[in-house]
């Protein structure tokens, strides 16, 4: 059965173009989409059209711009895209907002996405969030922890940005975000909390204060002492690099553990400030998720534009592993980049040297054209399916998924 191209009009209405086959993109290269590339569009996915970008279709051996805008899916967590939307950008096109754009098509009279289902976790099902009672639950926690600025911050993140880890504090369950740092030691290309004004707008606003030790500890004790599968996580979308607040975080961890041994204390970090990571590990950290895009120095620096080197990240990971911390990599994934042959060779060396327990593959939220303009072009790639398969084959003890797992 034919896999048919989709287009959108200026009002966002989506139409199929039966005379053209659907096209996806990996890196800079177009591919005709096949049934084996596709899954049914997940129920909680969003569709959007790409302004100032014509969709591409395939007919009679040629890739052809169509008379309509490109259509894209934004996938929920648990799905890894394999192909980007194929489009031809107009000369005056603006950079796209920070979303993870995925190719879509019409197949068997339904919309399908070019993706893989890579992790299952009901805790991140959107149906569990943004419920009618959320505002009342927020008021209840504010009453329990009056004047706590972290509570006010994550309440705003819950209602304005619909952040799931923020909402979990008020639902009293699972992973709860505890933002601590208004500053960062990197200037990431796709930072979701701070972007230059001439770029795309950030989808979240960064915290503007440094919480006290007591504010951090009070939220941690409140959540860990009563929540189901309780995790507190430093390093949220609304902040910079948490390890830069190592003095306060480490002191707060000690206060938390003096009150309760329940639950898990986690940090989401770029791990570039090794002295801070060591201090936090020594205080009693249980798990660490390290944001990373490449195991190659040159590629890493192009994306992070950091005040530290990749070697510092490796030193932090090594110290955490040597001290019993469960370490995951938060792999920022763009089809046609991370799966390049030279990148994969570097990953094999990295994972042999530093046997982390998990890789969480995250669809990178960034304009594909802008990304490859910065990161360079290379058509020697494995493809997403083969990349993930080879990772698992070479490192059978490694968990490859999308979510932070509760470490018991």
Protein backbone atom coordinates (compact mmCIF):
# COMPACT_ATOMS: atom_id res chain seq x y z
CA UNK A 1 0.00 0.00 0.00
CA UNK A 2 1.27 3.47 -0.94
CA UNK A 3 2.75 5.82 1.66
CA UNK A 4 1.31 9.20 0.68
CA UNK A 5 2.65 12.72 1.17
CA UNK A 6 0.86 15.19 3.46
CA UNK A 7 0.68 18.98 3.18
CA UNK A 8 -0.95 21.77 5.20
CA UNK A 9 -2.59 25.00 4.11
CA UNK A 10 -2.01 28.38 5.77
CA UNK A 11 -4.78 27.67 8.29
CA UNK A 12 -3.21 24.40 9.41
CA UNK A 13 -5.66 22.10 7.60
CA UNK A 14 -3.91 18.90 6.56
CA UNK A 15 -4.43 17.20 3.19
CA UNK A 16 -2.95 14.17 1.49
CA UNK A 17 -1.47 14.41 -2.02
CA UNK A 18 -2.29 10.99 -3.54
CA UNK A 19 -0.09 11.42 -6.61
CA UNK A 20 3.05 11.84 -4.48
CA UNK A 21 4.76 9.43 -2.10
CA UNK A 22 5.87 10.66 1.33
CA UNK A 23 9.45 11.73 1.98
CA UNK A 24 11.56 11.92 5.14
CA UNK A 25 14.99 13.31 5.80
CA UNK A 26 18.07 12.01 7.62
CA UNK A 27 20.79 14.59 7.99
CA UNK A 28 20.69 16.50 4.69
CA UNK A 29 19.50 13.52 2.63
CA UNK A 30 15.93 12.80 1.46
CA UNK A 31 14.45 9.28 1.54
CA UNK A 32 11.18 7.90 0.26
CA UNK A 33 9.33 6.67 3.36
CA UNK A 34 8.47 2.97 3.47
CA UNK A 35 5.97 1.13 5.69
CA UNK A 36 8.81 -0.33 7.79
CA UNK A 37 9.88 3.25 8.68
CA UNK A 38 6.47 4.08 10.17
CA UNK A 39 4.33 3.63 13.25
CA UNK A 40 0.80 4.88 13.85
CA UNK A 41 0.84 8.43 15.12
CA UNK A 42 0.83 8.16 18.94
CA UNK A 43 -2.39 9.33 20.54
CA UNK A 44 -0.73 12.12 22.50
CA UNK A 45 1.42 13.39 19.60
CA UNK A 46 0.84 16.88 18.18
CA UNK A 47 0.78 17.83 14.51
CA UNK A 48 2.02 21.16 13.25
CA UNK A 49 2.86 22.67 9.90
CA UNK A 50 6.23 24.28 9.20
CA UNK A 51 5.85 27.89 8.05
CA UNK A 52 7.80 29.12 5.02
CA UNK A 53 8.75 25.54 4.15
CA UNK A 54 7.27 23.59 1.24
CA UNK A 55 6.68 19.87 1.72
CA UNK A 56 8.64 17.46 -0.47
CA UNK A 57 7.02 14.56 -2.31
CA UNK A 58 8.39 11.73 -4.44
CA UNK A 59 7.14 10.91 -7.93
CA UNK A 60 8.70 9.22 -10.97
CA UNK A 61 12.11 8.96 -9.34
CA UNK A 62 12.29 12.61 -8.26
CA UNK A 63 11.95 14.58 -5.02
CA UNK A 64 9.58 17.46 -5.81
CA UNK A 65 8.50 20.54 -3.77
CA UNK A 66 4.72 20.49 -3.27
CA UNK A 67 2.20 23.34 -3.21
CA UNK A 68 1.68 23.18 0.52
CA UNK A 69 3.53 23.50 3.79
CA UNK A 70 5.48 20.65 5.33
CA UNK A 71 3.73 18.79 8.16
CA UNK A 72 5.48 17.47 11.25
CA UNK A 73 4.68 15.43 14.35
CA UNK A 74 5.90 16.34 17.82
CA UNK A 75 6.17 13.00 19.60
CA UNK A 76 5.55 12.24 23.29
CA UNK A 77 8.32 10.79 25.42
CA UNK A 78 8.93 7.10 24.76
CA UNK A 79 9.26 7.52 20.99
CA UNK A 80 12.45 8.13 19.02
CA UNK A 81 12.16 9.68 15.58
CA UNK A 82 14.01 8.07 12.68
CA UNK A 83 13.36 10.71 9.99
CA UNK A 84 13.00 14.48 10.01
CA UNK A 85 10.37 16.22 7.86
CA UNK A 86 11.54 16.84 4.29
CA UNK A 87 11.02 20.40 3.10
CA UNK A 88 12.34 23.20 0.92
CA UNK A 89 12.86 26.37 2.92
CA UNK A 90 12.05 29.78 1.46
CA UNK A 91 14.86 32.32 1.35
CA UNK A 92 13.23 34.48 4.05
CA UNK A 93 12.24 31.63 6.39
CA UNK A 94 12.74 32.22 10.11
CA UNK A 95 14.32 29.66 12.43
CA UNK A 96 11.80 27.11 13.73
CA UNK A 97 10.70 27.08 17.40
CA UNK A 98 12.37 24.57 19.74
CA UNK A 99 10.51 21.32 19.00
CA UNK A 100 11.56 17.83 17.91
CA UNK A 101 10.22 17.67 14.35
CA UNK A 102 9.32 14.23 12.95
CA UNK A 103 8.31 13.18 9.43
CA UNK A 104 4.69 12.07 8.93
CA UNK A 105 2.72 10.39 6.13
CA UNK A 106 -0.68 8.98 5.24
CA UNK A 107 -0.72 5.17 5.25
CA UNK A 108 -3.76 2.87 5.32
CA UNK A 109 -5.94 6.00 5.54
CA UNK A 110 -4.32 7.02 8.85
CA UNK A 111 -1.51 9.37 9.83
CA UNK A 112 1.76 7.61 10.61
CA UNK A 113 5.06 8.95 11.98
CA UNK A 114 8.65 7.99 11.13
CA UNK A 115 9.61 6.78 14.59
CA UNK A 116 10.32 3.87 16.94
CA UNK A 117 8.62 3.03 20.21
CA UNK A 118 11.67 2.82 22.46
CA UNK A 119 10.50 2.94 26.09
CA UNK A 120 7.34 2.29 28.06
CA UNK A 121 6.59 4.16 31.26
CA UNK A 122 3.06 5.01 32.36
CA UNK A 123 4.47 7.64 34.72
CA UNK A 124 5.06 9.95 31.75
CA UNK A 125 1.69 9.43 30.09
CA UNK A 126 0.22 12.92 29.48
CA UNK A 127 -3.15 11.61 30.71
CA UNK A 128 -1.68 11.61 34.23
CA UNK A 129 -1.00 15.36 34.18
CA UNK A 130 -2.77 18.73 33.90
CA UNK A 131 -5.83 17.36 35.71
CA UNK A 132 -8.71 19.50 36.95
CA UNK A 133 -7.59 19.29 40.57
CA UNK A 134 -4.02 20.50 39.92
CA UNK A 135 -4.66 24.08 41.08
CA UNK A 136 -6.14 22.83 44.36
CA UNK A 137 -3.17 20.51 44.87
CA UNK A 138 -0.80 23.43 44.31
CA UNK A 139 -2.62 25.49 46.95
CA UNK A 140 -2.32 22.58 49.39
CA UNK A 141 1.46 22.28 48.99
CA UNK A 142 1.92 26.06 49.19
CA UNK A 143 0.09 25.94 52.51
CA UNK A 144 2.34 23.11 53.74
CA UNK A 145 5.51 24.92 52.60
CA UNK A 146 4.70 28.65 52.90
CA UNK A 147 7.20 31.21 51.59
CA UNK A 148 9.25 28.51 49.83
CA UNK A 149 10.38 30.05 46.53
CA UNK A 150 11.03 26.66 44.91
CA UNK A 151 7.37 25.75 45.42
CA UNK A 152 6.31 29.04 43.81
CA UNK A 153 8.69 28.44 40.88
CA UNK A 154 7.50 24.92 40.11
CA UNK A 155 3.86 25.96 40.61
CA UNK A 156 4.36 28.49 37.81
CA UNK A 157 6.17 25.87 35.69
CA UNK A 158 3.25 23.48 36.27
CA UNK A 159 0.53 25.88 35.16
CA UNK A 160 2.31 27.95 32.53
CA UNK A 161 4.76 25.48 30.97
CA UNK A 162 2.92 22.26 31.93
CA UNK A 163 6.19 20.74 33.16
CA UNK A 164 5.62 17.17 34.31
CA UNK A 165 8.38 16.95 36.93
CA UNK A 166 7.14 20.24 38.39
CA UNK A 167 3.59 18.88 38.66
CA UNK A 168 4.74 15.71 40.43
CA UNK A 169 5.56 17.73 43.56
CA UNK A 170 1.88 18.62 43.85
CA UNK A 171 0.62 15.16 42.89
CA UNK A 172 3.02 13.79 45.57
CA UNK A 173 4.48 11.07 43.37
CA UNK A 174 7.41 9.99 41.18
CA UNK A 175 10.12 12.38 39.93
CA UNK A 176 9.90 15.93 41.26
CA UNK A 177 12.01 18.76 39.87
CA UNK A 178 13.91 20.98 42.32
CA UNK A 179 15.45 23.88 40.36
CA UNK A 180 18.40 25.59 42.04
CA UNK A 181 20.62 27.40 39.53
CA UNK A 182 20.02 30.59 37.52
CA UNK A 183 23.47 30.33 35.89
CA UNK A 184 25.19 27.91 33.54
CA UNK A 185 28.69 27.04 32.36
CA UNK A 186 27.57 26.20 28.80
CA UNK A 187 25.73 28.03 26.02
CA UNK A 188 23.92 25.15 24.36
CA UNK A 189 22.63 25.56 20.84
CA UNK A 190 19.22 24.19 21.84
CA UNK A 191 18.96 25.52 25.41
CA UNK A 192 15.29 25.48 26.42
CA UNK A 193 15.57 28.07 29.20
CA UNK A 194 17.76 30.81 27.70
CA UNK A 195 18.16 31.79 24.05
CA UNK A 196 19.65 34.83 22.37
CA UNK A 197 16.96 37.31 21.33
CA UNK A 198 17.67 36.92 17.62
CA UNK A 199 17.07 33.17 17.86
CA UNK A 200 13.96 31.18 18.64
CA UNK A 201 12.08 31.92 21.89
CA UNK A 202 12.79 29.62 24.84
CA UNK A 203 9.86 27.39 25.83
CA UNK A 204 10.53 27.96 29.54
CA UNK A 205 11.75 30.85 31.71
CA UNK A 206 14.82 30.33 33.86
CA UNK A 207 14.77 30.58 37.65
CA UNK A 208 15.98 34.01 38.80
CA UNK A 209 17.17 33.24 42.33
CA UNK A 210 19.42 30.83 44.23
CA UNK A 211 17.36 28.85 46.77
CA UNK A 212 18.68 28.53 50.30
CA UNK A 213 19.80 25.23 51.81
CA UNK A 214 16.61 25.13 53.88
CA UNK A 215 14.35 25.80 50.88
CA UNK A 216 15.97 22.90 48.98
CA UNK A 217 15.94 20.56 51.97
CA UNK A 218 12.33 21.34 52.90
CA UNK A 219 11.08 20.46 49.40
CA UNK A 220 13.26 17.33 49.33
CA UNK A 221 12.05 16.09 52.73
CA UNK A 222 8.42 16.86 51.85
CA UNK A 223 8.55 14.85 48.62
CA UNK A 224 10.86 11.97 49.53
CA UNK A 225 9.18 11.22 52.84
CA UNK A 226 5.73 10.59 51.36
CA UNK A 227 5.65 10.28 47.55
CA UNK A 228 5.32 6.98 45.66
CA UNK A 229 8.60 5.96 43.92
CA UNK A 230 9.91 9.32 45.06
CA UNK A 231 12.75 11.06 43.21
CA UNK A 232 13.96 14.62 43.60
CA UNK A 233 15.93 15.93 40.61
CA UNK A 234 18.23 18.91 40.43
CA UNK A 235 18.73 20.25 36.91
CA UNK A 236 15.41 21.18 35.31
CA UNK A 237 14.34 22.87 32.10
CA UNK A 238 13.82 26.14 34.00
CA UNK A 239 17.41 26.46 35.24
CA UNK A 240 21.07 26.48 34.28
CA UNK A 241 23.69 24.02 35.56
CA UNK A 242 22.85 22.74 39.08
CA UNK A 243 26.37 21.65 40.02
CA UNK A 244 27.33 25.35 40.11
CA UNK A 245 25.23 25.42 43.31
CA UNK A 246 27.12 22.44 44.77
CA UNK A 247 27.60 24.05 48.20
CA UNK A 248 23.87 24.49 48.77
CA UNK A 249 22.83 21.22 47.12
CA UNK A 250 25.33 19.10 49.06
CA UNK A 251 24.37 20.72 52.36
CA UNK A 252 20.67 20.19 51.54
CA UNK A 253 21.24 16.52 50.68
CA UNK A 254 22.82 15.97 54.09
CA UNK A 255 19.85 17.65 55.81
CA UNK A 256 17.41 15.56 53.76
CA UNK A 257 19.16 12.30 54.58
CA UNK A 258 19.24 13.21 58.27
CA UNK A 259 15.41 13.17 58.11
CA UNK A 260 14.57 10.39 55.63
CA UNK A 261 16.29 7.56 53.81
CA UNK A 262 13.36 7.12 51.42
CA UNK A 263 13.53 7.70 47.68
CA UNK A 264 16.18 8.71 45.22
CA UNK A 265 18.23 11.90 44.86
CA UNK A 266 19.14 12.65 41.25
CA UNK A 267 20.96 15.35 39.32
CA UNK A 268 20.48 16.22 35.64
CA UNK A 269 23.74 17.87 34.66
CA UNK A 270 26.23 18.61 31.91
CA UNK A 271 28.86 17.30 34.39
CA UNK A 272 31.40 19.87 33.24
CA UNK A 273 32.11 21.22 36.76
CA UNK A 274 33.83 18.18 38.23
CA UNK A 275 34.61 19.73 41.63
CA UNK A 276 30.92 20.47 42.14
CA UNK A 277 29.85 17.00 41.01
CA UNK A 278 32.32 15.40 43.43
CA UNK A 279 30.92 17.44 46.33
CA UNK A 280 27.34 16.44 45.46
CA UNK A 281 28.29 12.77 45.01
CA UNK A 282 30.05 12.75 48.37
CA UNK A 283 26.94 14.22 50.05
CA UNK A 284 24.87 11.16 49.10
CA UNK A 285 23.73 11.43 45.46
CA UNK A 286 21.97 8.28 44.16
CA UNK A 287 21.76 8.88 40.41
CA UNK A 288 23.10 11.23 37.76
CA UNK A 289 21.85 11.90 34.23
CA UNK A 290 24.42 13.59 32.01
CA UNK A 291 23.31 15.68 29.04
CA UNK A 292 25.52 14.86 26.06
CA UNK A 293 25.39 14.99 22.28
CA UNK A 294 28.73 13.55 21.18
CA UNK A 295 31.68 11.59 22.46
CA UNK A 296 33.96 13.59 20.14
CA UNK A 297 35.59 16.77 21.50
CA UNK A 298 34.99 18.83 18.36
CA UNK A 299 31.30 17.95 18.00
CA UNK A 300 30.68 18.32 21.74
CA UNK A 301 32.12 21.84 21.82
CA UNK A 302 30.22 22.96 18.72
CA UNK A 303 26.92 22.22 20.45
CA UNK A 304 27.63 23.07 24.12
CA UNK A 305 29.92 26.06 23.49
CA UNK A 306 31.04 25.45 27.06
CA UNK A 307 33.58 26.85 29.48
CA UNK A 308 34.91 23.32 30.11
CA UNK A 309 36.11 20.39 28.00
CA UNK A 310 34.64 16.95 27.35
CA UNK A 311 37.42 15.46 29.50
CA UNK A 312 35.86 17.20 32.53
CA UNK A 313 32.56 15.46 31.77
CA UNK A 314 34.35 12.11 31.60
CA UNK A 315 36.10 12.78 34.92
CA UNK A 316 32.74 13.55 36.58
CA UNK A 317 31.16 10.38 35.22
CA UNK A 318 34.14 8.29 36.29
CA UNK A 319 33.98 9.68 39.84
CA UNK A 320 30.24 9.04 40.08
CA UNK A 321 30.55 5.46 38.80
CA UNK A 322 33.44 4.75 41.17
CA UNK A 323 31.28 5.92 44.07
CA UNK A 324 28.24 3.79 43.33
CA UNK A 325 26.09 6.39 41.58
CA UNK A 326 23.74 5.13 38.85
CA UNK A 327 24.71 7.08 35.71
CA UNK A 328 22.58 7.66 32.61
CA UNK A 329 23.44 9.62 29.50
CA UNK A 330 20.77 11.98 28.20
CA UNK A 331 21.67 11.60 24.51
CA UNK A 332 20.38 14.59 22.52
CA UNK A 333 19.45 12.86 19.29
CA UNK A 334 19.24 14.19 15.73
CA UNK A 335 18.90 11.62 12.89
CA UNK A 336 21.92 11.86 10.63
CA UNK A 337 24.22 13.21 13.32
CA UNK A 338 24.63 10.95 16.39
CA UNK A 339 24.41 7.89 14.12
CA UNK A 340 27.28 8.97 11.87
CA UNK A 341 30.00 6.34 11.55
CA UNK A 342 32.64 8.55 13.20
CA UNK A 343 30.28 9.40 16.05
CA UNK A 344 29.42 5.74 16.64
CA UNK A 345 33.12 4.79 16.73
CA UNK A 346 33.65 7.46 19.41
CA UNK A 347 30.64 6.18 21.39
CA UNK A 348 32.11 2.68 21.46
CA UNK A 349 35.35 4.01 22.97
CA UNK A 350 33.45 6.22 25.44
CA UNK A 351 31.17 3.43 26.71
CA UNK A 352 34.06 0.97 26.98
CA UNK A 353 35.97 3.45 29.14
CA UNK A 354 32.91 4.58 31.13
CA UNK A 355 30.34 1.77 31.47
CA UNK A 356 27.27 3.85 32.35
CA UNK A 357 24.10 1.94 33.13
CA UNK A 358 21.70 3.64 30.71
CA UNK A 359 21.33 5.83 27.64
CA UNK A 360 18.16 7.92 27.41
CA UNK A 361 17.62 8.91 23.78
CA UNK A 362 15.95 12.33 23.55
CA UNK A 363 14.68 13.87 20.32
CA UNK A 364 16.63 17.13 20.10
CA UNK A 365 14.35 20.17 19.94
CA UNK A 366 15.99 22.31 17.28
CA UNK A 367 15.59 23.49 13.70
CA UNK A 368 17.28 20.77 11.57
CA UNK A 369 18.73 23.19 9.00
CA UNK A 370 20.24 25.41 11.67
CA UNK A 371 21.58 22.36 13.50
CA UNK A 372 23.43 20.92 10.51
CA UNK A 373 24.73 24.36 9.51
CA UNK A 374 26.53 24.45 12.86
CA UNK A 375 27.38 20.77 13.30
CA UNK A 376 28.48 20.10 9.71
CA UNK A 377 27.38 17.69 7.01
CA UNK A 378 28.21 13.99 6.58
CA UNK A 379 26.15 11.39 4.70
CA UNK A 380 28.03 8.43 6.19
CA UNK A 381 25.46 7.46 8.84
CA UNK A 382 24.00 4.20 10.13
CA UNK A 383 20.35 5.19 10.44
CA UNK A 384 18.54 5.31 13.78
CA UNK A 385 17.41 1.67 13.91
CA UNK A 386 20.89 0.33 13.18
CA UNK A 387 22.52 2.83 15.54
CA UNK A 388 20.37 1.72 18.49
CA UNK A 389 20.69 -1.94 17.55
CA UNK A 390 24.50 -1.72 17.36
CA UNK A 391 24.68 0.10 20.70
CA UNK A 392 22.77 -2.74 22.34
CA UNK A 393 24.79 -5.40 20.52
CA UNK A 394 28.14 -3.92 21.56
CA UNK A 395 27.02 -3.18 25.15
CA UNK A 396 24.43 -5.80 26.15
CA UNK A 397 24.34 -4.65 29.80
CA UNK A 398 23.40 -1.12 28.73
CA UNK A 399 19.74 -0.10 29.03
CA UNK A 400 18.64 1.96 26.02
CA UNK A 401 15.39 3.87 26.53
CA UNK A 402 13.92 7.35 26.99
CA UNK A 403 13.01 7.78 30.67
CA UNK A 404 14.76 8.03 34.00
CA UNK A 405 14.03 4.77 35.79
CA UNK A 406 13.49 4.50 39.52
CA UNK A 407 16.63 2.94 41.01
CA UNK A 408 15.81 0.68 43.90
